[in-house]
Amino acid sequence: MADTQYWLTKNGDIAPANPANTALGIQVASLETRFDDTYLTISSAQSTAATLTTTQMINNIVPSAPGAAIVLTTPTAAAIVLGDGSAALGRGFKFYVVNTSATTGATVTLAAGTGVTLLGNAVVAIGTTAGFYANYTNVTTGTQALTIVRLTA
């Protein structure tokens, strides 16, 4: 089954991918311009504690409907750099974690893998979405590092 494609606009809205739809004011941007608009893909749901894959994270929406509080750990910085064909110092990517659970206390907490630093609130409350930006701070083999900053409240 093919992944559903979505378009992230500069004002933070998410709309179905349709680059020809000028009524939405959406313009096509290359994936090389990751600081602007970027296609996002909804990855498979992750509703139990796990280490995310690089594919789940890079320019993705990670849905989750946990029955209780869970922790999603990022891959190591080395794995993320290796998995991103355009990783370069100072560049990065956006991703979102969507917690669709209605169960009291069923939060989703993002935890840092080796070489990853998290800044800001890493807890995604029930019924909310958290946007994150991952910035490459070192792409040298053996010392890869990146910092993930929460973009939304």
Protein backbone atom coordinates (compact mmCIF):
# COMPACT_ATOMS: atom_id res chain seq x y z
CA MET A 1 0.00 0.00 0.00
CA ALA A 2 1.40 3.41 -0.95
CA ASP A 3 2.05 6.04 1.70
CA THR A 4 -0.30 9.01 1.78
CA GLN A 5 1.50 12.22 0.80
CA TYR A 6 0.84 15.57 2.48
CA TRP A 7 2.23 19.06 1.94
CA LEU A 8 3.42 21.20 4.84
CA THR A 9 2.88 24.86 4.11
CA LYS A 10 5.06 27.69 5.40
CA ASN A 11 2.40 28.71 7.90
CA GLY A 12 2.39 25.22 9.40
CA ASP A 13 -0.81 23.91 7.84
CA ILE A 14 -0.88 20.38 6.50
CA ALA A 15 -2.80 19.82 3.26
CA PRO A 16 -3.12 16.81 0.94
CA ALA A 17 -0.31 16.78 -1.60
CA ASN A 18 -1.51 18.52 -4.70
CA PRO A 19 1.19 20.83 -6.11
CA ALA A 20 -1.17 21.90 -8.92
CA ASN A 21 -3.75 23.19 -6.43
CA THR A 22 -2.98 26.90 -6.49
CA ALA A 23 -6.26 27.72 -4.71
CA LEU A 24 -4.56 26.66 -1.49
CA GLY A 25 -1.62 28.96 -2.19
CA ILE A 26 0.73 26.00 -2.09
CA GLN A 27 3.89 26.15 -4.16
CA VAL A 28 6.09 23.22 -5.04
CA ALA A 29 9.49 23.25 -3.36
CA SER A 30 12.33 20.84 -3.88
CA LEU A 31 13.26 18.50 -1.04
CA GLU A 32 16.61 20.29 -1.24
CA THR A 33 14.88 23.29 0.32
CA ARG A 34 14.03 21.57 3.56
CA PHE A 35 13.63 24.86 5.43
CA ASP A 36 10.59 25.74 3.33
CA ASP A 37 7.70 23.55 2.27
CA THR A 38 8.30 19.82 2.31
CA TYR A 39 6.29 16.76 1.40
CA LEU A 40 5.42 14.72 4.45
CA THR A 41 4.43 11.08 4.56
CA ILE A 42 2.27 9.48 7.23
CA SER A 43 4.26 6.55 8.57
CA SER A 44 2.74 3.43 10.06
CA ALA A 45 1.21 3.95 13.50
CA GLN A 46 3.55 3.51 16.46
CA SER A 47 1.41 2.91 19.53
CA THR A 48 3.81 0.90 21.68
CA ALA A 49 7.21 1.83 23.11
CA ALA A 50 9.86 1.52 20.40
CA THR A 51 12.88 3.00 18.72
CA LEU A 52 11.70 4.88 15.65
CA THR A 53 13.32 4.16 12.32
CA THR A 54 15.01 6.86 10.29
CA THR A 55 12.33 6.39 7.64
CA GLN A 56 9.61 7.05 10.23
CA MET A 57 11.26 10.30 11.26
CA ILE A 58 12.64 12.14 8.23
CA ASN A 59 9.92 14.47 6.88
CA ASN A 60 7.23 12.28 8.36
CA ILE A 61 4.11 12.29 10.48
CA VAL A 62 4.21 9.57 13.16
CA PRO A 63 0.69 8.73 14.35
CA SER A 64 0.25 7.07 17.72
CA ALA A 65 -2.78 5.85 19.68
CA PRO A 66 -1.26 4.36 22.83
CA GLY A 67 -3.36 2.67 25.49
CA ALA A 68 -0.96 3.92 28.18
CA ALA A 69 2.06 6.22 28.35
CA ILE A 70 4.85 5.20 25.95
CA VAL A 71 8.34 6.32 25.01
CA LEU A 72 9.47 6.60 21.39
CA THR A 73 13.25 6.77 21.11
CA THR A 74 14.96 8.34 18.12
CA PRO A 75 17.49 6.33 16.17
CA THR A 76 21.13 7.18 16.86
CA ALA A 77 22.50 10.31 15.21
CA ALA A 78 24.76 8.07 13.11
CA ALA A 79 21.76 6.10 11.79
CA ILE A 80 19.81 9.28 11.00
CA VAL A 81 22.74 10.87 9.13
CA LEU A 82 23.30 7.63 7.20
CA GLY A 83 19.59 7.36 6.36
CA ASP A 84 19.28 10.94 5.10
CA GLY A 85 20.88 11.30 1.68
CA SER A 86 21.02 15.10 2.03
CA ALA A 87 22.38 15.32 5.60
CA ALA A 88 24.78 18.24 5.90
CA LEU A 89 26.01 20.47 8.69
CA GLY A 90 23.36 23.05 9.54
CA ARG A 91 20.61 21.34 7.52
CA GLY A 92 17.77 19.35 8.95
CA PHE A 93 14.22 18.08 8.64
CA LYS A 94 10.80 18.36 10.25
CA PHE A 95 8.67 15.61 11.68
CA TYR A 96 5.48 15.41 13.69
CA VAL A 97 4.18 13.06 16.38
CA VAL A 98 0.38 12.87 16.54
CA ASN A 99 -1.14 11.39 19.70
CA THR A 100 -4.70 10.40 18.82
CA SER A 101 -5.34 8.55 22.07
CA ALA A 102 -8.24 9.57 24.32
CA THR A 103 -7.01 7.43 27.21
CA THR A 104 -6.12 9.39 30.33
CA GLY A 105 -2.35 9.46 30.87
CA ALA A 106 -1.56 7.93 27.46
CA THR A 107 1.19 10.39 26.60
CA VAL A 108 3.90 9.85 24.00
CA THR A 109 7.37 10.91 25.11
CA LEU A 110 10.19 11.36 22.61
CA ALA A 111 13.57 10.19 23.96
CA ALA A 112 17.00 10.84 22.47
CA GLY A 113 19.09 8.11 20.90
CA THR A 114 22.89 8.23 21.10
CA GLY A 115 24.25 11.49 19.66
CA VAL A 116 20.83 13.16 19.68
CA THR A 117 20.01 16.14 21.92
CA LEU A 118 16.39 17.09 22.63
CA LEU A 119 15.42 20.69 23.43
CA GLY A 120 11.98 21.64 24.71
CA ASN A 121 9.05 19.58 25.90
CA ALA A 122 9.35 16.04 24.55
CA VAL A 123 5.93 14.91 25.83
CA VAL A 124 3.01 14.77 23.39
CA ALA A 125 -0.23 14.94 25.38
CA ILE A 126 -3.36 13.00 24.42
CA GLY A 127 -5.24 14.49 21.51
CA THR A 128 -2.37 16.76 20.43
CA THR A 129 0.30 17.03 17.77
CA ALA A 130 3.92 18.05 18.35
CA GLY A 131 6.13 19.34 15.57
CA PHE A 132 9.90 18.89 15.80
CA TYR A 133 12.88 20.15 13.81
CA ALA A 134 16.07 18.08 13.71
CA ASN A 135 19.23 20.07 12.92
CA TYR A 136 22.48 18.35 11.96
CA THR A 137 25.29 19.64 14.20
CA ASN A 138 27.93 17.08 13.12
CA VAL A 139 27.86 14.77 10.10
CA THR A 140 31.42 13.45 10.39
CA THR A 141 31.53 9.66 10.50
CA GLY A 142 32.00 8.44 14.06
CA THR A 143 30.95 11.72 15.70
CA GLN A 144 27.54 12.39 14.13
CA ALA A 145 25.22 14.58 16.18
CA LEU A 146 21.95 16.38 15.82
CA THR A 147 19.69 18.54 17.95
CA ILE A 148 15.93 18.14 17.89
CA VAL A 149 13.85 21.16 18.92
CA ARG A 150 10.14 21.10 19.59
CA LEU A 151 8.42 23.62 17.31
CA THR A 152 4.88 23.50 18.67
CA ALA A 153 3.47 23.83 22.17
